[in-house]
Amino acid sequence: MKKDIHPDYHEIDVKLTNGEVIQMKSTYGQKGDQLSLDIDPSVHPAWTGGGVHLMDSGGRVSRFKKKYSGLGF
């Protein structure tokens, strides 16, 4: 491998949205810097499972359910 082409990999403090601070390794900033997150796994719907809505704008889901209602859907 070539020398001096890779960024420094060091520990930083990551501040979650609830105020908790955890240490992680990263190439962000300098050793000991703090990264504050706006969105993290403790509050984002992609990880918590909340906020999932089925959008039926054209009635496609309704038509599908009506068409195949006899098959156990």
PDB file of N, CA and C in Angstrom:
ATOM      1  N   MET A   1       0.833  -1.184   0.000  1.00  0.00           N
ATOM      2  CA  MET A   1       0.000   0.000   0.000  1.00  0.00           C
ATOM      3  C   MET A   1       0.878   1.248   0.000  1.00  0.00           C
ATOM      4  N   LYS A   2       0.332   2.298  -0.559  1.00  0.00           N
ATOM      5  CA  LYS A   2       1.047   3.565  -0.565  1.00  0.00           C
ATOM      6  C   LYS A   2       1.008   4.198   0.814  1.00  0.00           C
ATOM      7  N   LYS A   3       2.062   4.873   1.167  1.00  0.00           N
ATOM      8  CA  LYS A   3       2.129   5.541   2.464  1.00  0.00           C
ATOM      9  C   LYS A   3       1.493   6.924   2.384  1.00  0.00           C
ATOM     10  N   ASP A   4       0.939   7.353   3.505  1.00  0.00           N
ATOM     11  CA  ASP A   4       0.397   8.703   3.685  1.00  0.00           C
ATOM     12  C   ASP A   4      -0.756   9.065   2.746  1.00  0.00           C
ATOM     13  N   ILE A   5      -1.532   8.071   2.298  1.00  0.00           N
ATOM     14  CA  ILE A   5      -2.705   8.401   1.483  1.00  0.00           C
ATOM     15  C   ILE A   5      -4.008   8.151   2.243  1.00  0.00           C
ATOM     16  N   HIS A   6      -3.929   7.460   3.362  1.00  0.00           N
ATOM     17  CA  HIS A   6      -5.126   7.136   4.123  1.00  0.00           C
ATOM     18  C   HIS A   6      -5.347   8.156   5.239  1.00  0.00           C
ATOM     19  N   PRO A   7      -6.627   8.517   5.496  1.00  0.00           N
ATOM     20  CA  PRO A   7      -6.897   9.471   6.577  1.00  0.00           C
ATOM     21  C   PRO A   7      -6.631   8.841   7.945  1.00  0.00           C
ATOM     22  N   ASP A   8      -6.398   9.675   8.925  1.00  0.00           N
ATOM     23  CA  ASP A   8      -6.151   9.232  10.293  1.00  0.00           C
ATOM     24  C   ASP A   8      -7.432   8.655  10.885  1.00  0.00           C
ATOM     25  N   TYR A   9      -7.356   7.478  11.448  1.00  0.00           N
ATOM     26  CA  TYR A   9      -8.501   6.787  12.044  1.00  0.00           C
ATOM     27  C   TYR A   9      -8.335   6.857  13.552  1.00  0.00           C
ATOM     28  N   HIS A  10      -9.198   7.596  14.222  1.00  0.00           N
ATOM     29  CA  HIS A  10      -9.022   7.881  15.640  1.00  0.00           C
ATOM     30  C   HIS A  10     -10.373   7.887  16.357  1.00  0.00           C
ATOM     31  N   GLU A  11     -10.354   8.003  17.684  1.00  0.00           N
ATOM     32  CA  GLU A  11     -11.594   8.032  18.462  1.00  0.00           C
ATOM     33  C   GLU A  11     -12.133   9.448  18.572  1.00  0.00           C
ATOM     34  N   ILE A  12     -13.468   9.562  18.393  1.00  0.00           N
ATOM     35  CA  ILE A  12     -14.154  10.833  18.582  1.00  0.00           C
ATOM     36  C   ILE A  12     -15.349  10.592  19.498  1.00  0.00           C
ATOM     37  N   ASP A  13     -15.915  11.665  20.032  1.00  0.00           N
ATOM     38  CA  ASP A  13     -17.137  11.580  20.826  1.00  0.00           C
ATOM     39  C   ASP A  13     -18.311  11.886  19.904  1.00  0.00           C
ATOM     40  N   VAL A  14     -19.336  11.033  19.942  1.00  0.00           N
ATOM     41  CA  VAL A  14     -20.535  11.236  19.135  1.00  0.00           C
ATOM     42  C   VAL A  14     -21.684  11.526  20.088  1.00  0.00           C
ATOM     43  N   LYS A  15     -22.294  12.711  19.939  1.00  0.00           N
ATOM     44  CA  LYS A  15     -23.405  13.122  20.802  1.00  0.00           C
ATOM     45  C   LYS A  15     -24.713  12.797  20.095  1.00  0.00           C
ATOM     46  N   LEU A  16     -25.511  11.899  20.710  1.00  0.00           N
ATOM     47  CA  LEU A  16     -26.794  11.500  20.147  1.00  0.00           C
ATOM     48  C   LEU A  16     -27.838  12.565  20.434  1.00  0.00           C
ATOM     49  N   THR A  17     -29.017  12.418  19.847  1.00  0.00           N
ATOM     50  CA  THR A  17     -30.068  13.416  20.007  1.00  0.00           C
ATOM     51  C   THR A  17     -30.608  13.478  21.430  1.00  0.00           C
ATOM     52  N   ASN A  18     -30.479  12.398  22.187  1.00  0.00           N
ATOM     53  CA  ASN A  18     -30.973  12.407  23.571  1.00  0.00           C
ATOM     54  C   ASN A  18     -29.930  12.942  24.548  1.00  0.00           C
ATOM     55  N   GLY A  19     -28.777  13.396  24.063  1.00  0.00           N
ATOM     56  CA  GLY A  19     -27.732  13.966  24.901  1.00  0.00           C
ATOM     57  C   GLY A  19     -26.646  12.983  25.310  1.00  0.00           C
ATOM     58  N   GLU A  20     -26.869  11.705  25.067  1.00  0.00           N
ATOM     59  CA  GLU A  20     -25.877  10.679  25.400  1.00  0.00           C
ATOM     60  C   GLU A  20     -24.651  10.840  24.505  1.00  0.00           C
ATOM     61  N   VAL A  21     -23.477  10.661  25.063  1.00  0.00           N
ATOM     62  CA  VAL A  21     -22.224  10.766  24.308  1.00  0.00           C
ATOM     63  C   VAL A  21     -21.549   9.398  24.304  1.00  0.00           C
ATOM     64  N   ILE A  22     -21.230   8.910  23.107  1.00  0.00           N
ATOM     65  CA  ILE A  22     -20.542   7.631  22.976  1.00  0.00           C
ATOM     66  C   ILE A  22     -19.250   7.855  22.196  1.00  0.00           C
ATOM     67  N   GLN A  23     -18.298   6.975  22.395  1.00  0.00           N
ATOM     68  CA  GLN A  23     -17.036   7.064  21.667  1.00  0.00           C
ATOM     69  C   GLN A  23     -17.055   6.086  20.501  1.00  0.00           C
ATOM     70  N   MET A  24     -16.604   6.580  19.356  1.00  0.00           N
ATOM     71  CA  MET A  24     -16.512   5.761  18.152  1.00  0.00           C
ATOM     72  C   MET A  24     -15.218   6.093  17.442  1.00  0.00           C
ATOM     73  N   LYS A  25     -14.796   5.184  16.599  1.00  0.00           N
ATOM     74  CA  LYS A  25     -13.636   5.448  15.752  1.00  0.00           C
ATOM     75  C   LYS A  25     -14.125   6.009  14.431  1.00  0.00           C
ATOM     76  N   SER A  26     -13.411   7.012  13.925  1.00  0.00           N
ATOM     77  CA  SER A  26     -13.824   7.691  12.713  1.00  0.00           C
ATOM     78  C   SER A  26     -12.644   8.414  12.083  1.00  0.00           C
ATOM     79  N   THR A  27     -12.850   8.858  10.863  1.00  0.00           N
ATOM     80  CA  THR A  27     -11.871   9.712  10.209  1.00  0.00           C
ATOM     81  C   THR A  27     -12.290  11.174  10.319  1.00  0.00           C
ATOM     82  N   TYR A  28     -13.416  11.443  11.008  1.00  0.00           N
ATOM     83  CA  TYR A  28     -13.933  12.801  11.178  1.00  0.00           C
ATOM     84  C   TYR A  28     -13.033  13.614  12.095  1.00  0.00           C
ATOM     85  N   GLY A  29     -12.703  14.821  11.702  1.00  0.00           N
ATOM     86  CA  GLY A  29     -11.982  15.767  12.554  1.00  0.00           C
ATOM     87  C   GLY A  29     -10.677  15.243  13.116  1.00  0.00           C
ATOM     88  N   GLN A  30     -10.389  15.671  14.351  1.00  0.00           N
ATOM     89  CA  GLN A  30      -9.175  15.271  15.051  1.00  0.00           C
ATOM     90  C   GLN A  30      -9.547  14.391  16.244  1.00  0.00           C
ATOM     91  N   LYS A  31      -8.565  13.746  16.831  1.00  0.00           N
ATOM     92  CA  LYS A  31      -8.793  12.900  17.990  1.00  0.00           C
ATOM     93  C   LYS A  31      -9.416  13.734  19.121  1.00  0.00           C
ATOM     94  N   GLY A  32     -10.537  13.235  19.682  1.00  0.00           N
ATOM     95  CA  GLY A  32     -11.204  13.924  20.771  1.00  0.00           C
ATOM     96  C   GLY A  32     -12.278  14.910  20.345  1.00  0.00           C
ATOM     97  N   ASP A  33     -12.438  15.176  19.039  1.00  0.00           N
ATOM     98  CA  ASP A  33     -13.500  16.073  18.572  1.00  0.00           C
ATOM     99  C   ASP A  33     -14.869  15.467  18.855  1.00  0.00           C
ATOM    100  N   GLN A  34     -15.909  16.321  18.839  1.00  0.00           N
ATOM    101  CA  GLN A  34     -17.264  15.841  19.090  1.00  0.00           C
ATOM    102  C   GLN A  34     -18.132  16.075  17.855  1.00  0.00           C
ATOM    103  N   LEU A  35     -18.863  15.052  17.472  1.00  0.00           N
ATOM    104  CA  LEU A  35     -19.793  15.116  16.351  1.00  0.00           C
ATOM    105  C   LEU A  35     -21.194  15.030  16.923  1.00  0.00           C
ATOM    106  N   SER A  36     -22.017  16.045  16.692  1.00  0.00           N
ATOM    107  CA  SER A  36     -23.395  16.057  17.182  1.00  0.00           C
ATOM    108  C   SER A  36     -24.321  15.610  16.063  1.00  0.00           C
ATOM    109  N   LEU A  37     -25.157  14.625  16.350  1.00  0.00           N
ATOM    110  CA  LEU A  37     -26.072  14.084  15.352  1.00  0.00           C
ATOM    111  C   LEU A  37     -27.440  14.746  15.448  1.00  0.00           C
ATOM    112  N   ASP A  38     -28.068  14.999  14.311  1.00  0.00           N
ATOM    113  CA  ASP A  38     -29.437  15.490  14.266  1.00  0.00           C
ATOM    114  C   ASP A  38     -30.410  14.322  14.265  1.00  0.00           C
ATOM    115  N   ILE A  39     -30.006  13.228  13.648  1.00  0.00           N
ATOM    116  CA  ILE A  39     -30.829  12.018  13.561  1.00  0.00           C
ATOM    117  C   ILE A  39     -29.932  10.848  13.918  1.00  0.00           C
ATOM    118  N   ASP A  40     -30.428   9.960  14.780  1.00  0.00           N
ATOM    119  CA  ASP A  40     -29.655   8.776  15.127  1.00  0.00           C
ATOM    120  C   ASP A  40     -30.578   7.565  15.229  1.00  0.00           C
ATOM    121  N   PRO A  41     -30.043   6.369  15.358  1.00  0.00           N
ATOM    122  CA  PRO A  41     -30.862   5.161  15.379  1.00  0.00           C
ATOM    123  C   PRO A  41     -31.893   5.099  16.502  1.00  0.00           C
ATOM    124  N   SER A  42     -31.724   5.866  17.568  1.00  0.00           N
ATOM    125  CA  SER A  42     -32.692   5.796  18.668  1.00  0.00           C
ATOM    126  C   SER A  42     -33.983   6.543  18.360  1.00  0.00           C
ATOM    127  N   VAL A  43     -33.988   7.435  17.364  1.00  0.00           N
ATOM    128  CA  VAL A  43     -35.186   8.215  17.077  1.00  0.00           C
ATOM    129  C   VAL A  43     -35.668   8.117  15.624  1.00  0.00           C
ATOM    130  N   HIS A  44     -34.858   7.635  14.715  1.00  0.00           N
ATOM    131  CA  HIS A  44     -35.229   7.608  13.305  1.00  0.00           C
ATOM    132  C   HIS A  44     -36.193   6.464  13.010  1.00  0.00           C
ATOM    133  N   PRO A  45     -37.282   6.729  12.283  1.00  0.00           N
ATOM    134  CA  PRO A  45     -38.281   5.691  11.997  1.00  0.00           C
ATOM    135  C   PRO A  45     -37.733   4.483  11.242  1.00  0.00           C
ATOM    136  N   ALA A  46     -36.670   4.655  10.488  1.00  0.00           N
ATOM    137  CA  ALA A  46     -36.102   3.521   9.757  1.00  0.00           C
ATOM    138  C   ALA A  46     -35.587   2.457  10.707  1.00  0.00           C
ATOM    139  N   TRP A  47     -35.140   2.851  11.904  1.00  0.00           N
ATOM    140  CA  TRP A  47     -34.631   1.893  12.881  1.00  0.00           C
ATOM    141  C   TRP A  47     -35.643   1.568  13.968  1.00  0.00           C
ATOM    142  N   THR A  48     -36.574   2.484  14.249  1.00  0.00           N
ATOM    143  CA  THR A  48     -37.535   2.253  15.332  1.00  0.00           C
ATOM    144  C   THR A  48     -38.803   1.588  14.847  1.00  0.00           C
ATOM    145  N   GLY A  49     -39.066   1.617  13.529  1.00  0.00           N
ATOM    146  CA  GLY A  49     -40.263   0.991  12.979  1.00  0.00           C
ATOM    147  C   GLY A  49     -41.479   1.892  13.007  1.00  0.00           C
ATOM    148  N   GLY A  50     -41.355   3.098  13.484  1.00  0.00           N
ATOM    149  CA  GLY A  50     -42.485   4.018  13.536  1.00  0.00           C
ATOM    150  C   GLY A  50     -42.626   4.813  12.260  1.00  0.00           C
ATOM    151  N   GLY A  51     -43.770   5.378  12.083  1.00  0.00           N
ATOM    152  CA  GLY A  51     -43.996   6.268  10.957  1.00  0.00           C
ATOM    153  C   GLY A  51     -44.162   5.575   9.623  1.00  0.00           C
ATOM    154  N   VAL A  52     -44.506   4.293   9.612  1.00  0.00           N
ATOM    155  CA  VAL A  52     -44.698   3.581   8.357  1.00  0.00           C
ATOM    156  C   VAL A  52     -46.145   3.750   7.931  1.00  0.00           C
ATOM    157  N   HIS A  53     -46.343   4.332   6.765  1.00  0.00           N
ATOM    158  CA  HIS A  53     -47.680   4.563   6.250  1.00  0.00           C
ATOM    159  C   HIS A  53     -47.773   4.008   4.840  1.00  0.00           C
ATOM    160  N   LEU A  54     -48.887   3.357   4.541  1.00  0.00           N
ATOM    161  CA  LEU A  54     -49.129   2.847   3.208  1.00  0.00           C
ATOM    162  C   LEU A  54     -49.881   3.913   2.421  1.00  0.00           C
ATOM    163  N   MET A  55     -49.265   4.433   1.381  1.00  0.00           N
ATOM    164  CA  MET A  55     -49.891   5.470   0.566  1.00  0.00           C
ATOM    165  C   MET A  55     -50.651   4.813  -0.575  1.00  0.00           C
ATOM    166  N   ASP A  56     -51.952   5.046  -0.622  1.00  0.00           N
ATOM    167  CA  ASP A  56     -52.805   4.481  -1.659  1.00  0.00           C
ATOM    168  C   ASP A  56     -53.394   5.628  -2.466  1.00  0.00           C
ATOM    169  N   SER A  57     -52.522   6.373  -3.146  1.00  0.00           N
ATOM    170  CA  SER A  57     -52.970   7.585  -3.826  1.00  0.00           C
ATOM    171  C   SER A  57     -53.886   7.300  -5.010  1.00  0.00           C
ATOM    172  N   GLY A  58     -53.647   6.233  -5.726  1.00  0.00           N
ATOM    173  CA  GLY A  58     -54.469   5.945  -6.898  1.00  0.00           C
ATOM    174  C   GLY A  58     -55.501   4.864  -6.661  1.00  0.00           C
ATOM    175  N   GLY A  59     -55.631   4.383  -5.432  1.00  0.00           N
ATOM    176  CA  GLY A  59     -56.586   3.322  -5.139  1.00  0.00           C
ATOM    177  C   GLY A  59     -56.113   1.957  -5.591  1.00  0.00           C
ATOM    178  N   ARG A  60     -54.844   1.829  -5.908  1.00  0.00           N
ATOM    179  CA  ARG A  60     -54.320   0.561  -6.420  1.00  0.00           C
ATOM    180  C   ARG A  60     -54.392  -0.550  -5.392  1.00  0.00           C
ATOM    181  N   VAL A  61     -54.061  -0.228  -4.148  1.00  0.00           N
ATOM    182  CA  VAL A  61     -54.101  -1.247  -3.106  1.00  0.00           C
ATOM    183  C   VAL A  61     -55.536  -1.696  -2.885  1.00  0.00           C
ATOM    184  N   SER A  62     -56.454  -0.757  -2.880  1.00  0.00           N
ATOM    185  CA  SER A  62     -57.867  -1.094  -2.692  1.00  0.00           C
ATOM    186  C   SER A  62     -58.370  -1.977  -3.830  1.00  0.00           C
ATOM    187  N   ARG A  63     -58.020  -1.625  -5.065  1.00  0.00           N
ATOM    188  CA  ARG A  63     -58.434  -2.444  -6.213  1.00  0.00           C
ATOM    189  C   ARG A  63     -57.831  -3.837  -6.142  1.00  0.00           C
ATOM    190  N   PHE A  64     -56.566  -3.935  -5.735  1.00  0.00           N
ATOM    191  CA  PHE A  64     -55.905  -5.235  -5.607  1.00  0.00           C
ATOM    192  C   PHE A  64     -56.611  -6.088  -4.563  1.00  0.00           C
ATOM    193  N   LYS A  65     -56.893  -5.495  -3.400  1.00  0.00           N
ATOM    194  CA  LYS A  65     -57.564  -6.247  -2.335  1.00  0.00           C
ATOM    195  C   LYS A  65     -58.955  -6.696  -2.764  1.00  0.00           C
ATOM    196  N   LYS A  66     -59.687  -5.838  -3.486  1.00  0.00           N
ATOM    197  CA  LYS A  66     -61.025  -6.187  -3.954  1.00  0.00           C
ATOM    198  C   LYS A  66     -60.961  -7.307  -4.986  1.00  0.00           C
ATOM    199  N   LYS A  67     -60.001  -7.207  -5.902  1.00  0.00           N
ATOM    200  CA  LYS A  67     -59.873  -8.203  -6.975  1.00  0.00           C
ATOM    201  C   LYS A  67     -59.514  -9.582  -6.444  1.00  0.00           C
ATOM    202  N   TYR A  68     -58.603  -9.596  -5.451  1.00  0.00           N
ATOM    203  CA  TYR A  68     -58.115 -10.877  -4.946  1.00  0.00           C
ATOM    204  C   TYR A  68     -58.613 -11.191  -3.533  1.00  0.00           C
ATOM    205  N   SER A  69     -59.767 -10.633  -3.147  1.00  0.00           N
ATOM    206  CA  SER A  69     -60.265 -10.831  -1.784  1.00  0.00           C
ATOM    207  C   SER A  69     -60.626 -12.286  -1.501  1.00  0.00           C
ATOM    208  N   GLY A  70     -61.007 -13.055  -2.502  1.00  0.00           N
ATOM    209  CA  GLY A  70     -61.378 -14.449  -2.298  1.00  0.00           C
ATOM    210  C   GLY A  70     -60.198 -15.382  -2.086  1.00  0.00           C
ATOM    211  N   LEU A  71     -58.985 -14.889  -2.256  1.00  0.00           N
ATOM    212  CA  LEU A  71     -57.800 -15.736  -2.125  1.00  0.00           C
ATOM    213  C   LEU A  71     -57.160 -15.684  -0.733  1.00  0.00           C
ATOM    214  N   GLY A  72     -57.791 -14.965   0.190  1.00  0.00           N
ATOM    215  CA  GLY A  72     -57.279 -14.940   1.561  1.00  0.00           C
ATOM    216  C   GLY A  72     -56.375 -13.784   1.901  1.00  0.00           C
ATOM    217  N   PHE A  73     -56.370 -12.731   1.097  1.00  0.00           N
ATOM    218  CA  PHE A  73     -55.530 -11.560   1.416  1.00  0.00           C
ATOM    219  C   PHE A  73     -56.205 -10.690   2.438  1.00  0.00           C
TER     220      PHE A  73
END
